[in-house]
């Protein structure tokens, strides 16, 4: 909880009607809570202080209708949705959580930054293996900022026609520059592969060149996020185009405990969620794997007419996951 001095200052300035001093005291309270690692409380206080626009308050249907399309097939170049996941729904490493908090703070207080000739970070690169929270974190950022989440459809953007891919990318960036949103370029390596790769033909190299130029020229109102499972094949010139790089890795045991506590929230169960015996069952799994196992175990419990989730439900779901993973490797 905030110190006595800060609370006195907060109430005093509020009672006096001094809005500027009240805002400053509120910001000091938020900063103190963040330093105590009370991130959820600090984020909620920021939303109350700065306001959080609602996606549903925007002409959402109208926005979807304005999405540009690929000339070759008429397919939409972006998929826009209202984000639902919140900050408490994602488990991040300490480094990544700190960076996400900084990005949120910069965007919540972008007017303060602009008054000093500065701008919030608007280009993030997410790297790491599948299922470790990259897409989820993009949705969380959109939710916390009260913005739509727009996912770039790589299958629509990449065209077989000469020069059409670069044209599609230009349409995408022109569109998101005019309307604030969080934009996710998933499978980013398909657009920014190393140009020195001799196996690729000239058109792909031209696409990379064009995309880098478009990123350099971008000066829009949206937060751009590029995500890749194959950062090793990205062109060397790509990295410096991003303000921050977040590396996502499979959860360690402590993160697994937090993840299980999050995913099992609201489920009645016959075991302690933070026990080593339960946590070790999930060792080596990605966040997506854990979520799939918990969801499968919950379904088994419900369909069996049970009121409590049991360890055997978890083990049964894990056996099915092992079979699924084995089939994927064979495929």
C-alpha atoms as a PDB file:
ATOM      1  CA  UNK A   1       0.000   0.000   0.000  1.00  0.00           C
ATOM      2  CA  UNK A   2       1.202   3.549  -0.685  1.00  0.00           C
ATOM      3  CA  UNK A   3       3.081   5.383   2.096  1.00  0.00           C
ATOM      4  CA  UNK A   4       1.245   7.645   4.514  1.00  0.00           C
ATOM      5  CA  UNK A   5       2.837  10.800   3.117  1.00  0.00           C
ATOM      6  CA  UNK A   6       1.712  10.007  -0.411  1.00  0.00           C
ATOM      7  CA  UNK A   7      -1.833   9.220   0.705  1.00  0.00           C
ATOM      8  CA  UNK A   8      -2.020  12.465   2.688  1.00  0.00           C
ATOM      9  CA  UNK A   9      -0.838  14.405  -0.354  1.00  0.00           C
ATOM     10  CA  UNK A  10      -3.303  12.604  -2.611  1.00  0.00           C
ATOM     11  CA  UNK A  11      -6.315  13.328  -0.382  1.00  0.00           C
ATOM     12  CA  UNK A  12      -5.198  16.915   0.323  1.00  0.00           C
ATOM     13  CA  UNK A  13      -4.835  17.839  -3.354  1.00  0.00           C
ATOM     14  CA  UNK A  14      -8.120  16.120  -4.203  1.00  0.00           C
ATOM     15  CA  UNK A  15      -9.981  17.922  -1.422  1.00  0.00           C
ATOM     16  CA  UNK A  16      -8.539  21.260  -2.568  1.00  0.00           C
ATOM     17  CA  UNK A  17      -9.590  20.605  -6.162  1.00  0.00           C
ATOM     18  CA  UNK A  18      -6.020  21.041  -7.403  1.00  0.00           C
ATOM     19  CA  UNK A  19      -6.232  18.699 -10.411  1.00  0.00           C
ATOM     20  CA  UNK A  20      -2.631  19.102 -11.537  1.00  0.00           C
ATOM     21  CA  UNK A  21      -1.248  18.373  -8.063  1.00  0.00           C
ATOM     22  CA  UNK A  22      -3.754  15.515  -7.644  1.00  0.00           C
ATOM     23  CA  UNK A  23      -2.553  13.935 -10.894  1.00  0.00           C
ATOM     24  CA  UNK A  24       1.088  14.280  -9.814  1.00  0.00           C
ATOM     25  CA  UNK A  25       0.356  12.695  -6.406  1.00  0.00           C
ATOM     26  CA  UNK A  26      -1.571   9.885  -8.128  1.00  0.00           C
ATOM     27  CA  UNK A  27       1.374   9.222 -10.443  1.00  0.00           C
ATOM     28  CA  UNK A  28       3.680   9.041  -7.407  1.00  0.00           C
ATOM     29  CA  UNK A  29       1.367   6.472  -5.789  1.00  0.00           C
ATOM     30  CA  UNK A  30       1.345   4.388  -8.989  1.00  0.00           C
ATOM     31  CA  UNK A  31       5.127   4.540  -9.249  1.00  0.00           C
ATOM     32  CA  UNK A  32       5.543   3.458  -5.628  1.00  0.00           C
ATOM     33  CA  UNK A  33       3.187   0.498  -6.117  1.00  0.00           C
ATOM     34  CA  UNK A  34       5.075  -0.525  -9.253  1.00  0.00           C
ATOM     35  CA  UNK A  35       8.392  -0.391  -7.381  1.00  0.00           C
ATOM     36  CA  UNK A  36       6.843  -2.754  -4.834  1.00  0.00           C
ATOM     37  CA  UNK A  37       6.032  -5.100  -7.753  1.00  0.00           C
ATOM     38  CA  UNK A  38       2.277  -4.556  -7.277  1.00  0.00           C
ATOM     39  CA  UNK A  39       1.906  -4.520 -11.050  1.00  0.00           C
ATOM     40  CA  UNK A  40      -1.798  -5.346 -11.290  1.00  0.00           C
ATOM     41  CA  UNK A  41      -2.730  -2.612  -8.803  1.00  0.00           C
ATOM     42  CA  UNK A  42      -0.442  -0.099 -10.541  1.00  0.00           C
ATOM     43  CA  UNK A  43      -1.939  -0.910 -13.940  1.00  0.00           C
ATOM     44  CA  UNK A  44      -5.501  -0.616 -12.634  1.00  0.00           C
ATOM     45  CA  UNK A  45      -4.689   2.753 -11.025  1.00  0.00           C
ATOM     46  CA  UNK A  46      -3.206   3.952 -14.327  1.00  0.00           C
ATOM     47  CA  UNK A  47      -6.404   3.017 -16.162  1.00  0.00           C
ATOM     48  CA  UNK A  48      -8.502   4.919 -13.606  1.00  0.00           C
ATOM     49  CA  UNK A  49      -6.244   7.973 -13.794  1.00  0.00           C
ATOM     50  CA  UNK A  50      -5.672   8.200 -17.528  1.00  0.00           C
ATOM     51  CA  UNK A  51      -8.840   6.532 -18.710  1.00  0.00           C
ATOM     52  CA  UNK A  52      -9.090   3.428 -20.867  1.00  0.00           C
ATOM     53  CA  UNK A  53     -11.067   3.713 -24.034  1.00  0.00           C
ATOM     54  CA  UNK A  54     -13.301   0.770 -24.894  1.00  0.00           C
ATOM     55  CA  UNK A  55     -12.938  -1.052 -28.181  1.00  0.00           C
ATOM     56  CA  UNK A  56     -16.692  -1.384 -28.316  1.00  0.00           C
ATOM     57  CA  UNK A  57     -17.092   2.388 -28.076  1.00  0.00           C
ATOM     58  CA  UNK A  58     -15.443   2.740 -31.485  1.00  0.00           C
ATOM     59  CA  UNK A  59     -17.338   2.160 -34.744  1.00  0.00           C
ATOM     60  CA  UNK A  60     -15.985  -1.378 -34.688  1.00  0.00           C
ATOM     61  CA  UNK A  61     -18.091  -2.828 -37.507  1.00  0.00           C
ATOM     62  CA  UNK A  62     -17.289   0.194 -39.652  1.00  0.00           C
ATOM     63  CA  UNK A  63     -13.586  -0.335 -38.975  1.00  0.00           C
ATOM     64  CA  UNK A  64     -13.772  -3.961 -40.119  1.00  0.00           C
ATOM     65  CA  UNK A  65     -15.484  -2.886 -43.331  1.00  0.00           C
ATOM     66  CA  UNK A  66     -12.595  -0.511 -44.080  1.00  0.00           C
ATOM     67  CA  UNK A  67      -9.922  -3.241 -43.927  1.00  0.00           C
ATOM     68  CA  UNK A  68      -7.912  -3.243 -47.192  1.00  0.00           C
ATOM     69  CA  UNK A  69      -7.937  -6.371 -49.342  1.00  0.00           C
ATOM     70  CA  UNK A  70      -5.605  -8.199 -51.665  1.00  0.00           C
ATOM     71  CA  UNK A  71      -6.275  -7.303 -55.309  1.00  0.00           C
ATOM     72  CA  UNK A  72      -5.379 -10.790 -56.543  1.00  0.00           C
ATOM     73  CA  UNK A  73      -7.998 -12.717 -54.523  1.00  0.00           C
ATOM     74  CA  UNK A  74      -9.999 -10.037 -52.723  1.00  0.00           C
ATOM     75  CA  UNK A  75      -9.010 -11.414 -49.300  1.00  0.00           C
ATOM     76  CA  UNK A  76      -8.814  -9.030 -46.308  1.00  0.00           C
ATOM     77  CA  UNK A  77      -5.240  -8.191 -45.351  1.00  0.00           C
ATOM     78  CA  UNK A  78      -5.983  -7.949 -41.628  1.00  0.00           C
ATOM     79  CA  UNK A  79      -8.213  -9.708 -39.133  1.00  0.00           C
ATOM     80  CA  UNK A  80      -9.541  -7.298 -36.494  1.00  0.00           C
ATOM     81  CA  UNK A  81     -11.018  -8.434 -33.193  1.00  0.00           C
ATOM     82  CA  UNK A  82     -11.797  -7.104 -29.749  1.00  0.00           C
ATOM     83  CA  UNK A  83      -9.119  -8.324 -27.303  1.00  0.00           C
ATOM     84  CA  UNK A  84     -10.383 -10.144 -24.216  1.00  0.00           C
ATOM     85  CA  UNK A  85      -7.288 -11.279 -22.299  1.00  0.00           C
ATOM     86  CA  UNK A  86      -5.951  -9.031 -19.549  1.00  0.00           C
ATOM     87  CA  UNK A  87      -2.555  -8.594 -17.940  1.00  0.00           C
ATOM     88  CA  UNK A  88      -3.371 -11.108 -15.203  1.00  0.00           C
ATOM     89  CA  UNK A  89      -3.961 -13.761 -17.889  1.00  0.00           C
ATOM     90  CA  UNK A  90      -0.362 -13.883 -19.114  1.00  0.00           C
ATOM     91  CA  UNK A  91       2.682 -15.217 -17.235  1.00  0.00           C
ATOM     92  CA  UNK A  92       5.900 -13.495 -18.280  1.00  0.00           C
ATOM     93  CA  UNK A  93       9.540 -13.568 -17.250  1.00  0.00           C
ATOM     94  CA  UNK A  94      10.584 -10.680 -14.980  1.00  0.00           C
ATOM     95  CA  UNK A  95      12.409  -8.992 -17.865  1.00  0.00           C
ATOM     96  CA  UNK A  96       9.471  -9.240 -20.244  1.00  0.00           C
ATOM     97  CA  UNK A  97       6.981  -8.131 -17.579  1.00  0.00           C
ATOM     98  CA  UNK A  98       9.122  -5.076 -16.863  1.00  0.00           C
ATOM     99  CA  UNK A  99       9.300  -4.192 -20.575  1.00  0.00           C
ATOM    100  CA  UNK A 100       5.531  -4.647 -21.041  1.00  0.00           C
ATOM    101  CA  UNK A 101       4.866  -2.422 -18.018  1.00  0.00           C
ATOM    102  CA  UNK A 102       7.143   0.245 -19.486  1.00  0.00           C
ATOM    103  CA  UNK A 103       5.414   0.108 -22.876  1.00  0.00           C
ATOM    104  CA  UNK A 104       1.988   0.413 -21.240  1.00  0.00           C
ATOM    105  CA  UNK A 105       3.121   3.326 -19.106  1.00  0.00           C
ATOM    106  CA  UNK A 106       4.585   5.109 -22.128  1.00  0.00           C
ATOM    107  CA  UNK A 107       1.321   4.746 -24.059  1.00  0.00           C
ATOM    108  CA  UNK A 108      -0.857   5.723 -21.106  1.00  0.00           C
ATOM    109  CA  UNK A 109       1.266   8.860 -20.671  1.00  0.00           C
ATOM    110  CA  UNK A 110       2.177   9.588 -24.263  1.00  0.00           C
ATOM    111  CA  UNK A 111       0.988  13.191 -23.989  1.00  0.00           C
ATOM    112  CA  UNK A 112       3.606  13.791 -21.283  1.00  0.00           C
ATOM    113  CA  UNK A 113       6.271  12.266 -23.533  1.00  0.00           C
ATOM    114  CA  UNK A 114       5.147  14.336 -26.528  1.00  0.00           C
ATOM    115  CA  UNK A 115       5.379  17.536 -24.504  1.00  0.00           C
ATOM    116  CA  UNK A 116       9.106  16.764 -24.160  1.00  0.00           C
ATOM    117  CA  UNK A 117       9.600  15.856 -27.814  1.00  0.00           C
ATOM    118  CA  UNK A 118       9.504  12.093 -27.119  1.00  0.00           C
ATOM    119  CA  UNK A 119       7.279   9.273 -28.364  1.00  0.00           C
ATOM    120  CA  UNK A 120       6.208   5.944 -26.840  1.00  0.00           C
ATOM    121  CA  UNK A 121       7.746   2.736 -28.164  1.00  0.00           C
ATOM    122  CA  UNK A 122       5.617   1.713 -31.132  1.00  0.00           C
ATOM    123  CA  UNK A 123       7.576  -1.191 -32.660  1.00  0.00           C
ATOM    124  CA  UNK A 124       8.165  -4.408 -30.712  1.00  0.00           C
ATOM    125  CA  UNK A 125       9.766  -7.663 -31.842  1.00  0.00           C
ATOM    126  CA  UNK A 126       8.678 -10.883 -30.100  1.00  0.00           C
ATOM    127  CA  UNK A 127      10.979 -13.918 -30.547  1.00  0.00           C
ATOM    128  CA  UNK A 128      10.813 -17.469 -29.279  1.00  0.00           C
ATOM    129  CA  UNK A 129       9.409 -20.969 -29.843  1.00  0.00           C
ATOM    130  CA  UNK A 130       5.710 -21.605 -30.515  1.00  0.00           C
ATOM    131  CA  UNK A 131       3.232 -21.565 -27.648  1.00  0.00           C
ATOM    132  CA  UNK A 132       5.238 -19.373 -25.274  1.00  0.00           C
ATOM    133  CA  UNK A 133       2.928 -16.364 -25.115  1.00  0.00           C
ATOM    134  CA  UNK A 134       3.832 -14.095 -28.036  1.00  0.00           C
ATOM    135  CA  UNK A 135       0.346 -13.843 -29.536  1.00  0.00           C
ATOM    136  CA  UNK A 136      -1.284 -13.736 -26.103  1.00  0.00           C
ATOM    137  CA  UNK A 137       0.960 -10.854 -25.032  1.00  0.00           C
ATOM    138  CA  UNK A 138      -0.004  -8.892 -28.145  1.00  0.00           C
ATOM    139  CA  UNK A 139      -3.676  -9.372 -27.230  1.00  0.00           C
ATOM    140  CA  UNK A 140      -3.003  -8.332 -23.641  1.00  0.00           C
ATOM    141  CA  UNK A 141      -1.317  -5.128 -24.797  1.00  0.00           C
ATOM    142  CA  UNK A 142      -4.329  -4.320 -26.975  1.00  0.00           C
ATOM    143  CA  UNK A 143      -6.718  -5.040 -24.109  1.00  0.00           C
ATOM    144  CA  UNK A 144      -4.784  -2.943 -21.599  1.00  0.00           C
ATOM    145  CA  UNK A 145      -4.614  -0.028 -24.050  1.00  0.00           C
ATOM    146  CA  UNK A 146      -8.291  -0.325 -24.976  1.00  0.00           C
ATOM    147  CA  UNK A 147      -7.468  -0.818 -28.660  1.00  0.00           C
ATOM    148  CA  UNK A 148      -8.532  -3.333 -31.321  1.00  0.00           C
ATOM    149  CA  UNK A 149      -6.128  -6.160 -32.114  1.00  0.00           C
ATOM    150  CA  UNK A 150      -5.379  -6.404 -35.833  1.00  0.00           C
ATOM    151  CA  UNK A 151      -3.536  -9.518 -37.007  1.00  0.00           C
ATOM    152  CA  UNK A 152      -1.902  -9.226 -40.424  1.00  0.00           C
ATOM    153  CA  UNK A 153      -2.940 -12.170 -42.578  1.00  0.00           C
ATOM    154  CA  UNK A 154       0.328 -13.349 -44.092  1.00  0.00           C
ATOM    155  CA  UNK A 155      -1.526 -15.730 -46.431  1.00  0.00           C
ATOM    156  CA  UNK A 156      -3.317 -12.711 -47.941  1.00  0.00           C
ATOM    157  CA  UNK A 157      -0.401 -10.284 -47.895  1.00  0.00           C
ATOM    158  CA  UNK A 158       2.056 -12.544 -49.717  1.00  0.00           C
ATOM    159  CA  UNK A 159       1.038 -12.577 -53.389  1.00  0.00           C
ATOM    160  CA  UNK A 160       2.224 -14.571 -56.391  1.00  0.00           C
ATOM    161  CA  UNK A 161       2.082 -11.439 -58.540  1.00  0.00           C
ATOM    162  CA  UNK A 162       5.244  -9.440 -59.029  1.00  0.00           C
ATOM    163  CA  UNK A 163       5.286  -6.401 -56.744  1.00  0.00           C
ATOM    164  CA  UNK A 164       1.873  -7.135 -55.235  1.00  0.00           C
ATOM    165  CA  UNK A 165       3.225  -8.211 -51.819  1.00  0.00           C
ATOM    166  CA  UNK A 166       4.954  -4.852 -51.312  1.00  0.00           C
ATOM    167  CA  UNK A 167       1.766  -3.112 -52.420  1.00  0.00           C
ATOM    168  CA  UNK A 168      -0.251  -5.113 -49.863  1.00  0.00           C
ATOM    169  CA  UNK A 169       2.188  -4.214 -47.096  1.00  0.00           C
ATOM    170  CA  UNK A 170       1.900  -0.545 -48.029  1.00  0.00           C
ATOM    171  CA  UNK A 171      -1.903  -0.814 -47.804  1.00  0.00           C
ATOM    172  CA  UNK A 172      -1.632  -2.397 -44.354  1.00  0.00           C
ATOM    173  CA  UNK A 173       0.695   0.244 -42.927  1.00  0.00           C
ATOM    174  CA  UNK A 174      -1.273   3.113 -44.457  1.00  0.00           C
ATOM    175  CA  UNK A 175      -4.460   1.722 -42.889  1.00  0.00           C
ATOM    176  CA  UNK A 176      -3.085   1.170 -39.366  1.00  0.00           C
ATOM    177  CA  UNK A 177      -1.285   4.524 -39.430  1.00  0.00           C
ATOM    178  CA  UNK A 178      -4.628   6.339 -39.455  1.00  0.00           C
ATOM    179  CA  UNK A 179      -6.508   4.341 -36.779  1.00  0.00           C
ATOM    180  CA  UNK A 180      -4.960   3.477 -33.388  1.00  0.00           C
ATOM    181  CA  UNK A 181      -4.727  -0.276 -32.845  1.00  0.00           C
ATOM    182  CA  UNK A 182      -2.276  -2.993 -31.873  1.00  0.00           C
ATOM    183  CA  UNK A 183      -1.045  -4.658 -35.065  1.00  0.00           C
ATOM    184  CA  UNK A 184       0.449  -8.163 -34.965  1.00  0.00           C
ATOM    185  CA  UNK A 185       2.657  -9.365 -37.828  1.00  0.00           C
ATOM    186  CA  UNK A 186       2.675 -13.064 -36.963  1.00  0.00           C
ATOM    187  CA  UNK A 187       5.164 -15.349 -38.769  1.00  0.00           C
ATOM    188  CA  UNK A 188       7.193 -12.212 -39.384  1.00  0.00           C
ATOM    189  CA  UNK A 189      10.105 -14.188 -40.839  1.00  0.00           C
ATOM    190  CA  UNK A 190       7.985 -14.722 -43.981  1.00  0.00           C
ATOM    191  CA  UNK A 191       8.371 -11.002 -44.683  1.00  0.00           C
ATOM    192  CA  UNK A 192      11.813 -10.251 -43.307  1.00  0.00           C
ATOM    193  CA  UNK A 193      13.995 -13.242 -44.146  1.00  0.00           C
ATOM    194  CA  UNK A 194      17.747 -12.764 -44.514  1.00  0.00           C
ATOM    195  CA  UNK A 195      18.414 -11.287 -47.955  1.00  0.00           C
ATOM    196  CA  UNK A 196      21.755 -13.057 -48.251  1.00  0.00           C
ATOM    197  CA  UNK A 197      20.011 -16.450 -48.451  1.00  0.00           C
ATOM    198  CA  UNK A 198      20.983 -17.766 -51.889  1.00  0.00           C
ATOM    199  CA  UNK A 199      17.990 -20.124 -51.966  1.00  0.00           C
ATOM    200  CA  UNK A 200      15.512 -17.236 -52.226  1.00  0.00           C
ATOM    201  CA  UNK A 201      14.647 -15.581 -55.495  1.00  0.00           C
ATOM    202  CA  UNK A 202      14.824 -11.873 -56.241  1.00  0.00           C
ATOM    203  CA  UNK A 203      11.150 -11.130 -55.516  1.00  0.00           C
ATOM    204  CA  UNK A 204      11.506 -12.095 -51.837  1.00  0.00           C
ATOM    205  CA  UNK A 205      14.576  -9.883 -51.523  1.00  0.00           C
ATOM    206  CA  UNK A 206      12.580  -7.000 -53.002  1.00  0.00           C
ATOM    207  CA  UNK A 207       9.824  -7.647 -50.464  1.00  0.00           C
ATOM    208  CA  UNK A 208      12.309  -7.379 -47.582  1.00  0.00           C
ATOM    209  CA  UNK A 209      13.757  -4.181 -49.018  1.00  0.00           C
ATOM    210  CA  UNK A 210      10.299  -2.683 -49.447  1.00  0.00           C
ATOM    211  CA  UNK A 211       9.178  -3.677 -45.957  1.00  0.00           C
ATOM    212  CA  UNK A 212      12.257  -2.175 -44.329  1.00  0.00           C
ATOM    213  CA  UNK A 213      11.640   1.074 -46.181  1.00  0.00           C
ATOM    214  CA  UNK A 214       7.982   1.069 -45.119  1.00  0.00           C
ATOM    215  CA  UNK A 215       8.966   0.511 -41.478  1.00  0.00           C
ATOM    216  CA  UNK A 216      11.450   3.390 -41.676  1.00  0.00           C
ATOM    217  CA  UNK A 217       8.761   5.683 -43.077  1.00  0.00           C
ATOM    218  CA  UNK A 218       6.033   4.587 -40.647  1.00  0.00           C
ATOM    219  CA  UNK A 219       4.803   7.414 -38.432  1.00  0.00           C
ATOM    220  CA  UNK A 220       1.351   6.209 -37.445  1.00  0.00           C
ATOM    221  CA  UNK A 221      -0.772   5.915 -34.335  1.00  0.00           C
ATOM    222  CA  UNK A 222      -0.698   2.127 -33.915  1.00  0.00           C
ATOM    223  CA  UNK A 223       1.588  -0.143 -31.921  1.00  0.00           C
ATOM    224  CA  UNK A 224       3.319  -2.573 -34.309  1.00  0.00           C
ATOM    225  CA  UNK A 225       4.336  -6.022 -33.036  1.00  0.00           C
ATOM    226  CA  UNK A 226       6.287  -8.529 -35.117  1.00  0.00           C
ATOM    227  CA  UNK A 227       6.390 -12.135 -33.865  1.00  0.00           C
ATOM    228  CA  UNK A 228       8.588 -14.959 -35.092  1.00  0.00           C
ATOM    229  CA  UNK A 229       9.514 -18.504 -34.106  1.00  0.00           C
ATOM    230  CA  UNK A 230      12.637 -18.295 -36.290  1.00  0.00           C
ATOM    231  CA  UNK A 231      14.551 -15.181 -35.299  1.00  0.00           C
ATOM    232  CA  UNK A 232      17.768 -16.782 -36.562  1.00  0.00           C
ATOM    233  CA  UNK A 233      16.709 -16.297 -40.205  1.00  0.00           C
ATOM    234  CA  UNK A 234      15.664 -12.642 -39.888  1.00  0.00           C
ATOM    235  CA  UNK A 235      17.591 -10.164 -41.990  1.00  0.00           C
ATOM    236  CA  UNK A 236      20.297  -8.418 -39.948  1.00  0.00           C
ATOM    237  CA  UNK A 237      18.880  -4.998 -40.827  1.00  0.00           C
ATOM    238  CA  UNK A 238      15.512  -5.855 -39.253  1.00  0.00           C
ATOM    239  CA  UNK A 239      16.597  -5.737 -35.624  1.00  0.00           C
ATOM    240  CA  UNK A 240      17.390  -2.032 -35.440  1.00  0.00           C
ATOM    241  CA  UNK A 241      13.916  -1.162 -36.764  1.00  0.00           C
ATOM    242  CA  UNK A 242      12.374  -2.148 -33.401  1.00  0.00           C
ATOM    243  CA  UNK A 243      12.333  -0.196 -30.155  1.00  0.00           C
ATOM    244  CA  UNK A 244      12.309  -3.297 -27.946  1.00  0.00           C
ATOM    245  CA  UNK A 245      12.978  -7.013 -28.450  1.00  0.00           C
ATOM    246  CA  UNK A 246      11.283  -9.497 -26.125  1.00  0.00           C
ATOM    247  CA  UNK A 247      12.511 -13.084 -26.028  1.00  0.00           C
ATOM    248  CA  UNK A 248       9.864 -15.640 -24.993  1.00  0.00           C
ATOM    249  CA  UNK A 249      10.991 -18.996 -23.623  1.00  0.00           C
ATOM    250  CA  UNK A 250       9.232 -22.078 -22.240  1.00  0.00           C
ATOM    251  CA  UNK A 251       8.141 -21.453 -18.632  1.00  0.00           C
ATOM    252  CA  UNK A 252      10.430 -22.462 -15.790  1.00  0.00           C
ATOM    253  CA  UNK A 253       9.035 -24.227 -12.711  1.00  0.00           C
ATOM    254  CA  UNK A 254       8.123 -21.007 -10.912  1.00  0.00           C
ATOM    255  CA  UNK A 255       6.360 -19.664 -13.993  1.00  0.00           C
ATOM    256  CA  UNK A 256       4.582 -23.014 -14.370  1.00  0.00           C
ATOM    257  CA  UNK A 257       3.215 -22.652 -10.821  1.00  0.00           C
ATOM    258  CA  UNK A 258       1.893 -19.185 -11.610  1.00  0.00           C
ATOM    259  CA  UNK A 259       0.504 -20.373 -14.926  1.00  0.00           C
ATOM    260  CA  UNK A 260      -1.325 -23.301 -13.326  1.00  0.00           C
ATOM    261  CA  UNK A 261      -2.728 -21.026 -10.620  1.00  0.00           C
ATOM    262  CA  UNK A 262      -4.005 -18.737 -13.387  1.00  0.00           C
ATOM    263  CA  UNK A 263      -5.480 -21.477 -15.605  1.00  0.00           C
ATOM    264  CA  UNK A 264      -7.036 -23.405 -12.707  1.00  0.00           C
ATOM    265  CA  UNK A 265      -8.561 -20.284 -11.198  1.00  0.00           C
ATOM    266  CA  UNK A 266     -12.232 -20.916 -10.382  1.00  0.00           C
ATOM    267  CA  UNK A 267     -11.975 -24.714 -10.680  1.00  0.00           C
ATOM    268  CA  UNK A 268     -12.635 -26.778  -7.565  1.00  0.00           C
ATOM    269  CA  UNK A 269      -9.876 -29.348  -7.193  1.00  0.00           C
ATOM    270  CA  UNK A 270      -8.549 -32.088  -4.901  1.00  0.00           C
ATOM    271  CA  UNK A 271      -4.904 -30.990  -5.015  1.00  0.00           C
ATOM    272  CA  UNK A 272      -2.718 -27.991  -4.236  1.00  0.00           C
ATOM    273  CA  UNK A 273      -1.923 -26.156  -7.433  1.00  0.00           C
ATOM    274  CA  UNK A 274       1.569 -25.131  -6.293  1.00  0.00           C
ATOM    275  CA  UNK A 275       2.715 -28.594  -5.194  1.00  0.00           C
ATOM    276  CA  UNK A 276       5.935 -29.837  -6.773  1.00  0.00           C
ATOM    277  CA  UNK A 277       4.247 -33.119  -7.704  1.00  0.00           C
ATOM    278  CA  UNK A 278       1.672 -31.320  -9.860  1.00  0.00           C
ATOM    279  CA  UNK A 279       4.063 -28.727 -11.282  1.00  0.00           C
ATOM    280  CA  UNK A 280       6.593 -31.364 -12.351  1.00  0.00           C
ATOM    281  CA  UNK A 281       3.926 -33.096 -14.452  1.00  0.00           C
ATOM    282  CA  UNK A 282       4.043 -30.054 -16.767  1.00  0.00           C
ATOM    283  CA  UNK A 283       7.818 -29.701 -16.912  1.00  0.00           C
ATOM    284  CA  UNK A 284       9.067 -28.922 -20.424  1.00  0.00           C
ATOM    285  CA  UNK A 285       5.662 -27.820 -21.727  1.00  0.00           C
ATOM    286  CA  UNK A 286       4.950 -24.493 -23.396  1.00  0.00           C
ATOM    287  CA  UNK A 287       2.236 -22.166 -22.113  1.00  0.00           C
ATOM    288  CA  UNK A 288      -0.058 -23.279 -24.936  1.00  0.00           C
ATOM    289  CA  UNK A 289       0.533 -26.949 -24.025  1.00  0.00           C
ATOM    290  CA  UNK A 290      -0.354 -26.264 -20.373  1.00  0.00           C
ATOM    291  CA  UNK A 291      -3.524 -24.418 -21.321  1.00  0.00           C
ATOM    292  CA  UNK A 292      -4.587 -27.244 -23.635  1.00  0.00           C
ATOM    293  CA  UNK A 293      -3.979 -29.901 -20.944  1.00  0.00           C
ATOM    294  CA  UNK A 294      -5.903 -27.970 -18.278  1.00  0.00           C
ATOM    295  CA  UNK A 295      -8.812 -27.362 -20.649  1.00  0.00           C
ATOM    296  CA  UNK A 296      -8.905 -31.073 -21.593  1.00  0.00           C
ATOM    297  CA  UNK A 297      -8.755 -32.135 -17.929  1.00  0.00           C
ATOM    298  CA  UNK A 298     -11.606 -29.758 -17.039  1.00  0.00           C
ATOM    299  CA  UNK A 299     -13.749 -31.181 -19.846  1.00  0.00           C
ATOM    300  CA  UNK A 300     -13.088 -34.732 -18.651  1.00  0.00           C
ATOM    301  CA  UNK A 301     -14.113 -33.743 -15.108  1.00  0.00           C
ATOM    302  CA  UNK A 302     -17.355 -32.098 -16.270  1.00  0.00           C
ATOM    303  CA  UNK A 303     -18.357 -34.896 -18.650  1.00  0.00           C
ATOM    304  CA  UNK A 304     -17.730 -37.472 -15.925  1.00  0.00           C
ATOM    305  CA  UNK A 305     -20.130 -35.579 -13.658  1.00  0.00           C
ATOM    306  CA  UNK A 306     -17.456 -34.797 -11.059  1.00  0.00           C
ATOM    307  CA  UNK A 307     -17.417 -31.643  -8.924  1.00  0.00           C
ATOM    308  CA  UNK A 308     -13.691 -31.574  -8.228  1.00  0.00           C
ATOM    309  CA  UNK A 309     -10.731 -31.728 -10.582  1.00  0.00           C
ATOM    310  CA  UNK A 310      -8.507 -34.605  -9.589  1.00  0.00           C
ATOM    311  CA  UNK A 311      -4.857 -35.357 -10.287  1.00  0.00           C
ATOM    312  CA  UNK A 312      -5.945 -38.314 -12.410  1.00  0.00           C
ATOM    313  CA  UNK A 313      -7.789 -35.932 -14.751  1.00  0.00           C
ATOM    314  CA  UNK A 314      -4.568 -34.006 -15.189  1.00  0.00           C
ATOM    315  CA  UNK A 315      -2.522 -37.148 -15.835  1.00  0.00           C
ATOM    316  CA  UNK A 316      -5.077 -38.441 -18.334  1.00  0.00           C
ATOM    317  CA  UNK A 317      -4.989 -35.128 -20.229  1.00  0.00           C
ATOM    318  CA  UNK A 318      -1.184 -35.156 -20.235  1.00  0.00           C
ATOM    319  CA  UNK A 319      -1.141 -38.689 -21.716  1.00  0.00           C
ATOM    320  CA  UNK A 320      -3.369 -37.460 -24.536  1.00  0.00           C
ATOM    321  CA  UNK A 321      -1.086 -34.468 -25.043  1.00  0.00           C
ATOM    322  CA  UNK A 322       1.943 -36.783 -25.282  1.00  0.00           C
ATOM    323  CA  UNK A 323       0.149 -38.753 -28.032  1.00  0.00           C
ATOM    324  CA  UNK A 324      -0.688 -35.512 -29.832  1.00  0.00           C
ATOM    325  CA  UNK A 325       2.919 -34.317 -29.686  1.00  0.00           C
ATOM    326  CA  UNK A 326       4.199 -37.685 -30.959  1.00  0.00           C
ATOM    327  CA  UNK A 327       1.837 -37.517 -33.939  1.00  0.00           C
ATOM    328  CA  UNK A 328       2.969 -33.982 -34.722  1.00  0.00           C
ATOM    329  CA  UNK A 329       6.619 -35.072 -34.748  1.00  0.00           C
ATOM    330  CA  UNK A 330       5.842 -37.990 -37.066  1.00  0.00           C
ATOM    331  CA  UNK A 331       3.899 -35.660 -39.353  1.00  0.00           C
END
